[in-house]
Amino acid sequence: MKRITIAEAAQHVGETVQIAGWLYNLRRSGKIIFPIVRDGTGIMQCVAIKTELPEPVFESLRRLTQESSLIVTGTVRAEQRAPGGYELDVKDAQIIQRVPESDPYPITPKPHGIDFLLDHRHLWIRSRRQHAILRIRHQVVRSIRNYLDDHGFTLVDTPIFTPAACEGTTTLFEVPYFDEGKVYLTQSGQLYNEATAMAFGKVYCFGPTFRAERSKTRRHLTEFWMVEPEMAYATLEDVKQLAEDLIVSVIRDVLTHRRQELETLERDISKLEAIDKPFPRLTYDEAIEILHRKGSQIVWGDDFGGTDETLLSEEFDRPVMVDRFPAKIKAFYFQPDPEQPDRVLGVDILAPEGYGEIVGGGQRIHDLDLLLKRLDEYGLPREAFDWYIDLRKYGTVPHAGFGLGIERFVAWICGVDHVRETIAFPRMLYRTRP
């Protein structure tokens, strides 16, 4: 008997096939029962008629409990009123495991609190909403990689254990490391990307990063994923162009391939369809003027808080780029603006609808003497960056790149309130389980 996935049902109308999955729901109507089965690719309603099945098979289905596992044999039939547009007329069923009524599946159709759902995250990801979010995340990751691969970038993995800070020493997770003393969980792969860009020209890394921030906002996780492209012989303007093109391309892919999931989430798709180039561009000074006009108490020289980012994004129907930040609020490696040395050639891209910064990047310092000066100003030990300093000794060139945070990007695309739903097992200030 041929086994198919629910997503393949359209290709097998009129055929008798098997579907292996789990019971999502069960409706009973006298001598007819309707087991609704999910298999990870979709949901399909099955129709089991008592007079057409052996009694033990019918009874085993009638008594089935939520999330029991089973293999159903039947004939695929088109049915516009059914979930997914197809039904399965049941001919046989094999119950793999029946969830006992004495210990039922804990997530029921009734409302549950968020702490309960996070405690049961290993089961919560089976629900339609969570399933839709994580499938969209998969599409985002796939589309990012396809775009970069198709535009001449080479994926080069960077270390999780690092000897020094990249984004500041106050948010490092410290780890004991054999006889070497202590190392840190990476905040970013950027410094290593700079090395690989000098070998390959255009590179990217894609993996988990860690920030020990004591933050409980809806935009923060302690472990999150970033894609970080880096380019040799590149400037701030190259970063803006690449980020803009990448974001637009990924959103179009999601609209093409994951529209059903967006509809499951009741996302206002028209807001995503409006995303196009060019993105608005502001300087830091212009952004401060807008914020003051809108009532923000931000002081010139401060970095934007979450409320400030939301106020700015309200002005636009697409991501907005803000550049020329004061050097003192950015990392040591940013190249100064030659026309305003107290500003840097860096850019933040803020998502619309109040989702905050999704991209941060810019042009890196490529001059040896300036890099050494910056390390000293930031109190960073030169010996921890000896290999990074070498990059300015041997064939240094202007280079630039950025990091895009996957969870915030997915949260915006999905229209969800908190980034904790955009990763399978979120790590937050007070949550490390399951």
Protein backbone atom coordinates (compact mmCIF):
# COMPACT_ATOMS: atom_id res chain seq x y z
CA MET A 1 0.00 0.00 0.00
CA LYS A 2 1.40 3.38 -1.01
CA ARG A 3 1.99 5.78 1.88
CA ILE A 4 1.64 9.49 1.15
CA THR A 5 1.71 12.71 3.11
CA ILE A 6 -1.37 14.86 3.49
CA ALA A 7 0.34 17.58 1.46
CA GLU A 8 0.46 15.14 -1.48
CA ALA A 9 -3.27 14.29 -1.38
CA ALA A 10 -4.11 16.32 -4.50
CA GLN A 11 -1.86 14.04 -6.56
CA HIS A 12 -3.68 10.88 -5.45
CA VAL A 13 -7.42 11.58 -5.84
CA GLY A 14 -9.25 8.30 -6.39
CA GLU A 15 -6.35 6.19 -5.14
CA THR A 16 -6.27 4.03 -2.02
CA VAL A 17 -3.33 5.12 0.13
CA GLN A 18 -2.00 5.17 3.68
CA ILE A 19 -1.49 8.22 5.86
CA ALA A 20 0.56 7.97 9.05
CA GLY A 21 -0.07 10.62 11.68
CA TRP A 22 -1.79 11.64 14.89
CA LEU A 23 -5.42 12.29 15.84
CA TYR A 24 -5.95 16.05 15.85
CA ASN A 25 -9.65 15.92 16.61
CA LEU A 26 -12.60 13.54 16.40
CA ARG A 27 -16.25 14.20 15.55
CA ARG A 28 -18.95 11.56 16.00
CA SER A 29 -22.32 11.44 14.25
CA GLY A 30 -24.08 8.17 14.99
CA LYS A 31 -22.79 5.49 12.65
CA ILE A 32 -20.31 7.86 11.02
CA ILE A 33 -17.20 9.27 12.67
CA PHE A 34 -14.80 11.88 11.38
CA PRO A 35 -11.22 11.44 12.64
CA ILE A 36 -9.18 14.52 11.76
CA VAL A 37 -5.57 13.45 11.26
CA ARG A 38 -2.42 15.56 11.11
CA ASP A 39 0.93 14.29 9.82
CA GLY A 40 3.20 17.34 9.99
CA THR A 41 2.47 18.40 6.41
CA GLY A 42 -1.20 19.20 6.87
CA ILE A 43 -4.56 18.18 8.33
CA MET A 44 -7.06 15.83 6.69
CA GLN A 45 -10.55 14.82 7.66
CA CYS A 46 -11.22 11.09 7.41
CA VAL A 47 -14.68 9.57 7.07
CA ALA A 48 -15.30 6.23 8.77
CA ILE A 49 -18.70 4.56 8.17
CA LYS A 50 -19.67 1.77 10.54
CA THR A 51 -21.33 -0.40 7.89
CA GLU A 52 -18.25 -0.31 5.69
CA LEU A 53 -15.64 -1.27 8.28
CA PRO A 54 -14.97 -4.29 10.49
CA GLU A 55 -16.49 -3.56 13.88
CA PRO A 56 -13.14 -3.67 15.78
CA VAL A 57 -11.67 -1.08 13.40
CA PHE A 58 -14.67 1.24 13.71
CA GLU A 59 -14.70 0.90 17.51
CA SER A 60 -10.99 1.55 17.80
CA LEU A 61 -11.46 4.79 15.85
CA ARG A 62 -14.60 5.78 17.76
CA ARG A 63 -12.74 5.41 21.07
CA LEU A 64 -9.59 7.16 19.89
CA THR A 65 -8.20 9.94 22.07
CA GLN A 66 -6.52 13.23 21.12
CA GLU A 67 -2.93 12.85 19.80
CA SER A 68 -3.10 9.06 19.57
CA SER A 69 -0.89 7.84 16.74
CA LEU A 70 -2.33 5.82 13.86
CA ILE A 71 -1.98 4.74 10.25
CA VAL A 72 -5.14 5.17 8.20
CA THR A 73 -5.84 3.41 4.91
CA GLY A 74 -8.44 4.87 2.59
CA THR A 75 -9.39 6.45 -0.72
CA VAL A 76 -8.61 10.13 -1.35
CA ARG A 77 -11.57 12.23 -2.41
CA ALA A 78 -11.80 15.92 -3.28
CA GLU A 79 -14.07 17.82 -0.88
CA GLN A 80 -13.99 21.61 -0.90
CA ARG A 81 -15.69 21.88 2.49
CA ALA A 82 -13.02 19.78 4.22
CA PRO A 83 -9.80 21.17 5.75
CA GLY A 84 -7.24 21.25 2.95
CA GLY A 85 -9.87 20.42 0.30
CA TYR A 86 -9.61 16.60 0.48
CA GLU A 87 -11.02 13.76 2.56
CA LEU A 88 -10.06 10.15 3.10
CA ASP A 89 -12.77 7.47 2.98
CA VAL A 90 -11.48 5.01 5.58
CA LYS A 91 -11.04 1.35 4.65
CA ASP A 92 -8.77 0.30 7.54
CA ALA A 93 -6.83 1.76 10.46
CA GLN A 94 -3.95 0.63 12.61
CA ILE A 95 -3.65 2.26 16.03
CA ILE A 96 0.02 2.65 16.91
CA GLN A 97 -0.52 4.12 20.38
CA ARG A 98 -3.71 5.18 22.10
CA VAL A 99 -3.29 8.03 24.58
CA PRO A 100 -4.90 6.71 27.80
CA GLU A 101 -8.00 8.46 29.08
CA SER A 102 -6.51 8.30 32.58
CA ASP A 103 -3.60 10.52 31.44
CA PRO A 104 -5.04 12.58 28.56
CA TYR A 105 -3.20 14.94 26.27
CA PRO A 106 -2.71 18.06 28.42
CA ILE A 107 -3.35 20.75 25.79
CA THR A 108 -7.10 20.73 25.18
CA PRO A 109 -9.26 23.07 23.08
CA LYS A 110 -10.00 25.17 26.20
CA PRO A 111 -7.87 28.29 26.84
CA HIS A 112 -4.54 27.82 28.64
CA GLY A 113 -2.19 30.32 30.25
CA ILE A 114 1.09 31.14 28.53
CA ASP A 115 3.22 29.66 31.33
CA PHE A 116 1.32 26.37 31.06
CA LEU A 117 1.80 26.33 27.30
CA LEU A 118 5.52 27.13 27.57
CA ASP A 119 5.92 24.38 30.19
CA HIS A 120 4.42 22.06 27.56
CA ARG A 121 6.22 23.61 24.59
CA HIS A 122 7.28 20.13 23.40
CA LEU A 123 3.56 19.45 22.83
CA TRP A 124 2.35 22.99 22.08
CA ILE A 125 4.30 23.03 18.80
CA ARG A 126 1.76 20.49 17.47
CA SER A 127 -1.04 23.07 17.49
CA ARG A 128 -2.09 24.70 14.22
CA ARG A 129 -0.95 28.20 15.18
CA GLN A 130 2.48 27.16 16.43
CA HIS A 131 2.89 24.79 13.51
CA ALA A 132 2.14 27.63 11.09
CA ILE A 133 4.67 29.95 12.74
CA LEU A 134 7.45 27.37 12.64
CA ARG A 135 6.73 26.47 9.01
CA ILE A 136 7.01 30.16 8.13
CA ARG A 137 10.28 30.28 10.05
CA HIS A 138 11.50 27.34 7.96
CA GLN A 139 10.58 29.21 4.78
CA VAL A 140 12.37 32.35 5.98
CA VAL A 141 15.56 30.39 6.70
CA ARG A 142 15.35 28.56 3.39
CA SER A 143 14.74 31.75 1.42
CA ILE A 144 17.60 33.61 3.10
CA ARG A 145 20.03 30.83 2.32
CA ASN A 146 18.80 30.50 -1.25
CA TYR A 147 19.15 34.24 -1.83
CA LEU A 148 22.67 34.45 -0.46
CA ASP A 149 23.78 31.25 -2.18
CA ASP A 150 22.41 32.52 -5.49
CA HIS A 151 24.22 35.85 -5.11
CA GLY A 152 27.74 34.53 -4.70
CA PHE A 153 27.99 34.17 -0.92
CA THR A 154 29.75 31.20 0.68
CA LEU A 155 28.46 29.76 3.96
CA VAL A 156 31.36 29.50 6.42
CA ASP A 157 30.44 28.39 9.95
CA THR A 158 31.84 30.39 12.86
CA PRO A 159 32.59 29.22 16.43
CA ILE A 160 30.10 29.08 19.28
CA PHE A 161 32.93 29.30 21.85
CA THR A 162 34.86 32.57 21.53
CA PRO A 163 37.76 34.06 23.51
CA ALA A 164 36.47 37.65 23.55
CA ALA A 165 33.42 39.91 23.29
CA CYS A 166 32.01 41.17 20.02
CA GLU A 167 29.03 43.28 21.11
CA GLY A 168 30.11 44.37 24.60
CA THR A 169 31.41 42.68 27.73
CA THR A 170 28.27 43.10 29.86
CA THR A 171 26.13 40.57 27.99
CA LEU A 172 28.50 37.60 27.79
CA PHE A 173 27.71 34.06 28.92
CA GLU A 174 30.91 32.78 30.53
CA VAL A 175 31.88 29.09 30.19
CA PRO A 176 34.79 27.21 31.86
CA TYR A 177 36.97 25.62 29.19
CA PHE A 178 39.41 22.93 30.37
CA ASP A 179 42.89 24.31 31.03
CA GLU A 180 42.26 27.38 28.88
CA GLY A 181 40.37 29.13 31.66
CA LYS A 182 37.14 30.73 30.51
CA VAL A 183 35.57 31.35 27.11
CA TYR A 184 32.25 32.86 26.09
CA LEU A 185 29.19 31.87 24.10
CA THR A 186 29.22 33.84 20.88
CA GLN A 187 27.32 37.12 20.62
CA SER A 188 27.90 37.20 16.86
CA GLY A 189 29.91 35.48 14.17
CA GLN A 190 30.88 38.81 12.67
CA LEU A 191 34.54 39.02 13.68
CA TYR A 192 35.20 35.59 12.21
CA ASN A 193 33.16 36.54 9.14
CA GLU A 194 35.60 39.36 8.56
CA ALA A 195 38.40 36.82 8.42
CA THR A 196 36.56 34.49 6.04
CA ALA A 197 35.50 37.41 3.82
CA MET A 198 39.19 38.14 3.26
CA ALA A 199 39.51 34.55 2.01
CA PHE A 200 36.28 34.17 0.00
CA GLY A 201 35.13 37.71 -0.79
CA LYS A 202 31.45 37.30 0.17
CA VAL A 203 30.49 35.03 3.05
CA TYR A 204 27.77 34.43 5.63
CA CYS A 205 27.30 32.49 8.81
CA PHE A 206 23.96 31.29 10.12
CA GLY A 207 23.55 30.02 13.64
CA PRO A 208 22.70 30.59 17.29
CA THR A 209 23.98 33.59 19.20
CA PHE A 210 23.74 34.39 22.90
CA ARG A 211 23.19 37.59 24.87
CA ALA A 212 23.13 37.60 28.69
CA GLU A 213 20.70 40.51 28.85
CA ARG A 214 18.37 40.70 31.83
CA SER A 215 15.52 41.69 29.59
CA LYS A 216 11.95 40.44 29.69
CA THR A 217 10.55 42.34 26.72
CA ARG A 218 8.60 40.73 23.92
CA ARG A 219 11.57 41.28 21.58
CA HIS A 220 14.30 39.52 23.55
CA LEU A 221 15.61 35.98 23.92
CA THR A 222 18.89 34.91 25.51
CA GLU A 223 19.52 32.47 22.65
CA PHE A 224 18.52 33.49 19.15
CA TRP A 225 19.53 32.87 15.55
CA MET A 226 21.18 35.32 13.19
CA VAL A 227 22.24 35.33 9.59
CA GLU A 228 25.33 37.49 9.09
CA PRO A 229 26.60 38.30 5.59
CA GLU A 230 30.00 39.97 5.23
CA MET A 231 31.57 41.44 2.08
CA ALA A 232 35.13 42.45 1.21
CA TYR A 233 35.55 45.65 -0.80
CA ALA A 234 32.16 46.87 0.43
CA THR A 235 30.71 50.00 2.02
CA LEU A 236 27.72 51.02 4.13
CA GLU A 237 25.71 51.57 0.95
CA ASP A 238 26.39 47.99 -0.13
CA VAL A 239 25.02 46.80 3.21
CA LYS A 240 21.84 48.82 2.77
CA GLN A 241 21.31 47.49 -0.73
CA LEU A 242 21.87 43.87 0.22
CA ALA A 243 19.65 44.03 3.30
CA GLU A 244 16.85 45.74 1.39
CA ASP A 245 16.96 43.24 -1.47
CA LEU A 246 17.13 40.27 0.90
CA ILE A 247 14.17 41.36 3.04
CA VAL A 248 11.95 42.01 0.03
CA SER A 249 12.92 38.69 -1.57
CA VAL A 250 12.20 36.67 1.57
CA ILE A 251 8.81 38.29 2.14
CA ARG A 252 7.79 37.57 -1.45
CA ASP A 253 8.82 33.93 -0.99
CA VAL A 254 6.74 33.64 2.18
CA LEU A 255 3.73 35.16 0.43
CA THR A 256 4.16 32.68 -2.41
CA HIS A 257 4.83 29.50 -0.44
CA ARG A 258 3.28 30.06 3.01
CA ARG A 259 0.09 32.02 2.34
CA GLN A 260 -2.03 29.28 3.92
CA GLU A 261 0.01 29.51 7.14
CA LEU A 262 -0.35 33.31 7.16
CA GLU A 263 -4.11 32.86 6.82
CA THR A 264 -4.09 30.39 9.72
CA LEU A 265 -2.45 33.12 11.81
CA GLU A 266 -5.05 35.65 10.54
CA ARG A 267 -2.18 37.86 9.41
CA ASP A 268 -3.09 41.01 7.50
CA ILE A 269 -1.39 39.92 4.29
CA SER A 270 -1.91 43.29 2.62
CA LYS A 271 0.70 44.81 4.97
CA LEU A 272 3.29 42.30 3.76
CA GLU A 273 2.29 42.78 0.13
CA ALA A 274 3.04 46.51 0.54
CA ILE A 275 6.70 45.85 1.41
CA ASP A 276 8.85 46.96 -1.51
CA LYS A 277 11.93 48.94 -2.36
CA PRO A 278 13.12 51.54 -1.66
CA PHE A 279 13.00 51.61 2.13
CA PRO A 280 12.89 55.06 3.74
CA ARG A 281 16.30 56.30 4.90
CA LEU A 282 16.89 58.55 7.91
CA THR A 283 19.95 59.80 9.71
CA TYR A 284 20.11 59.43 13.47
CA ASP A 285 19.58 63.20 13.79
CA GLU A 286 16.46 63.08 11.62
CA ALA A 287 15.13 60.17 13.67
CA ILE A 288 15.69 62.11 16.90
CA GLU A 289 13.72 65.05 15.46
CA ILE A 290 10.79 62.75 14.62
CA LEU A 291 10.87 61.20 18.09
CA HIS A 292 10.86 64.58 19.82
CA ARG A 293 7.96 65.67 17.64
CA LYS A 294 6.06 62.55 18.73
CA GLY A 295 6.68 63.16 22.42
CA SER A 296 9.70 60.94 23.14
CA GLN A 297 12.04 62.11 25.91
CA ILE A 298 15.10 60.54 24.25
CA VAL A 299 18.29 62.56 24.68
CA TRP A 300 20.63 63.04 21.73
CA GLY A 301 23.40 60.48 22.04
CA ASP A 302 21.21 57.74 23.54
CA ASP A 303 20.41 54.55 21.69
CA PHE A 304 16.79 53.89 20.75
CA GLY A 305 14.61 52.03 23.21
CA GLY A 306 11.76 49.75 22.19
CA THR A 307 9.20 52.57 22.47
CA ASP A 308 11.37 54.85 20.32
CA GLU A 309 11.67 52.18 17.62
CA THR A 310 7.89 51.72 17.66
CA LEU A 311 7.26 55.46 17.34
CA LEU A 312 9.61 55.67 14.37
CA SER A 313 8.12 52.64 12.62
CA GLU A 314 4.61 54.12 12.90
CA GLU A 315 5.66 56.70 10.32
CA PHE A 316 6.18 54.15 7.55
CA ASP A 317 4.47 51.17 5.91
CA ARG A 318 7.76 49.36 5.30
CA PRO A 319 11.10 48.94 7.09
CA VAL A 320 13.02 52.15 7.75
CA MET A 321 16.81 52.53 7.73
CA VAL A 322 18.52 54.75 10.30
CA ASP A 323 22.25 55.50 9.94
CA ARG A 324 25.03 57.79 11.22
CA PHE A 325 24.66 56.85 14.88
CA PRO A 326 26.95 58.45 17.48
CA ALA A 327 30.11 56.37 17.76
CA LYS A 328 29.84 56.07 21.54
CA ILE A 329 26.69 53.93 21.37
CA LYS A 330 27.99 51.51 18.75
CA ALA A 331 30.53 48.68 18.88
CA PHE A 332 34.28 49.29 18.61
CA TYR A 333 34.61 47.95 15.07
CA PHE A 334 32.45 50.52 13.21
CA GLN A 335 34.18 52.74 10.65
CA PRO A 336 33.83 56.47 11.47
CA ASP A 337 32.00 58.69 9.02
CA PRO A 338 34.79 60.71 7.30
CA GLU A 339 32.55 63.81 7.25
CA GLN A 340 31.48 63.45 10.91
CA PRO A 341 34.14 61.50 12.83
CA ASP A 342 31.95 61.29 15.94
CA ARG A 343 29.39 59.28 13.90
CA VAL A 344 29.80 55.81 12.44
CA LEU A 345 28.97 54.23 9.09
CA GLY A 346 26.40 51.92 10.64
CA VAL A 347 22.73 51.29 9.98
CA ASP A 348 19.79 49.82 11.88
CA ILE A 349 16.71 48.64 9.99
CA LEU A 350 13.47 48.87 11.96
CA ALA A 351 10.49 46.73 10.99
CA PRO A 352 7.08 48.37 10.68
CA GLU A 353 4.15 47.69 13.03
CA GLY A 354 6.30 48.08 16.13
CA TYR A 355 8.56 45.04 15.77
CA GLY A 356 11.80 46.92 16.34
CA GLU A 357 15.28 46.44 14.96
CA ILE A 358 15.64 43.45 12.64
CA VAL A 359 18.98 44.35 11.04
CA GLY A 360 22.09 45.98 12.43
CA GLY A 361 25.30 46.43 10.48
CA GLY A 362 27.60 48.70 8.60
CA GLN A 363 31.14 49.30 7.48
CA ARG A 364 34.04 47.97 9.59
CA ILE A 365 37.27 49.70 10.57
CA HIS A 366 39.96 48.56 8.14
CA ASP A 367 42.82 50.80 9.31
CA LEU A 368 45.22 49.13 11.77
CA ASP A 369 46.06 52.19 13.86
CA LEU A 370 42.41 53.19 14.23
CA LEU A 371 41.41 49.66 15.25
CA LEU A 372 44.11 49.57 17.94
CA LYS A 373 42.94 52.95 19.22
CA ARG A 374 39.32 51.74 19.41
CA LEU A 375 40.26 48.56 21.29
CA ASP A 376 42.05 50.67 23.89
CA GLU A 377 39.15 53.13 24.16
CA TYR A 378 36.70 50.28 24.80
CA GLY A 379 39.00 48.62 27.32
CA LEU A 380 39.35 45.45 25.26
CA PRO A 381 42.58 43.43 25.59
CA ARG A 382 44.65 43.43 22.39
CA GLU A 383 45.90 39.88 23.05
CA ALA A 384 42.34 38.53 22.79
CA PHE A 385 42.06 40.12 19.34
CA ASP A 386 45.51 39.32 17.97
CA TRP A 387 44.16 37.33 15.04
CA TYR A 388 41.57 40.04 14.31
CA ILE A 389 44.34 42.67 14.30
CA ASP A 390 46.24 40.52 11.76
CA LEU A 391 43.43 41.13 9.26
CA ARG A 392 44.47 44.81 9.19
CA LYS A 393 48.12 43.90 8.69
CA TYR A 394 47.82 41.50 5.79
CA GLY A 395 45.77 42.78 2.87
CA THR A 396 43.28 45.01 4.65
CA VAL A 397 40.41 46.41 2.56
CA PRO A 398 37.17 48.29 3.24
CA HIS A 399 34.54 45.71 4.17
CA ALA A 400 31.03 45.65 5.54
CA GLY A 401 28.19 43.40 6.66
CA PHE A 402 25.17 43.02 8.89
CA GLY A 403 23.26 40.69 11.15
CA LEU A 404 19.56 39.86 10.72
CA GLY A 405 17.77 38.38 13.74
CA ILE A 406 15.55 35.51 12.64
CA GLU A 407 13.10 35.54 15.55
CA ARG A 408 12.21 39.23 15.29
CA PHE A 409 12.00 38.95 11.51
CA VAL A 410 9.63 35.98 11.77
CA ALA A 411 7.58 37.66 14.52
CA TRP A 412 6.99 40.63 12.22
CA ILE A 413 6.12 38.48 9.20
CA CYS A 414 3.71 36.36 11.26
CA GLY A 415 2.27 39.30 13.19
CA VAL A 416 2.77 37.57 16.57
CA ASP A 417 3.15 39.50 19.81
CA HIS A 418 6.25 37.82 21.27
CA VAL A 419 9.40 36.29 19.82
CA ARG A 420 9.03 33.28 22.16
CA GLU A 421 6.60 31.75 19.63
CA THR A 422 9.02 32.04 16.70
CA ILE A 423 11.53 29.43 17.87
CA ALA A 424 10.73 25.84 18.80
CA PHE A 425 12.22 25.98 22.30
CA PRO A 426 12.69 29.58 23.50
CA ARG A 427 15.35 30.50 26.03
CA MET A 428 14.44 33.54 28.10
CA LEU A 429 15.58 35.16 31.33
CA TYR A 430 13.60 32.77 33.52
CA ARG A 431 13.03 29.86 31.17
CA THR A 432 15.44 27.08 30.14
CA ARG A 433 12.93 24.19 30.01
CA PRO A 434 11.81 22.16 28.16
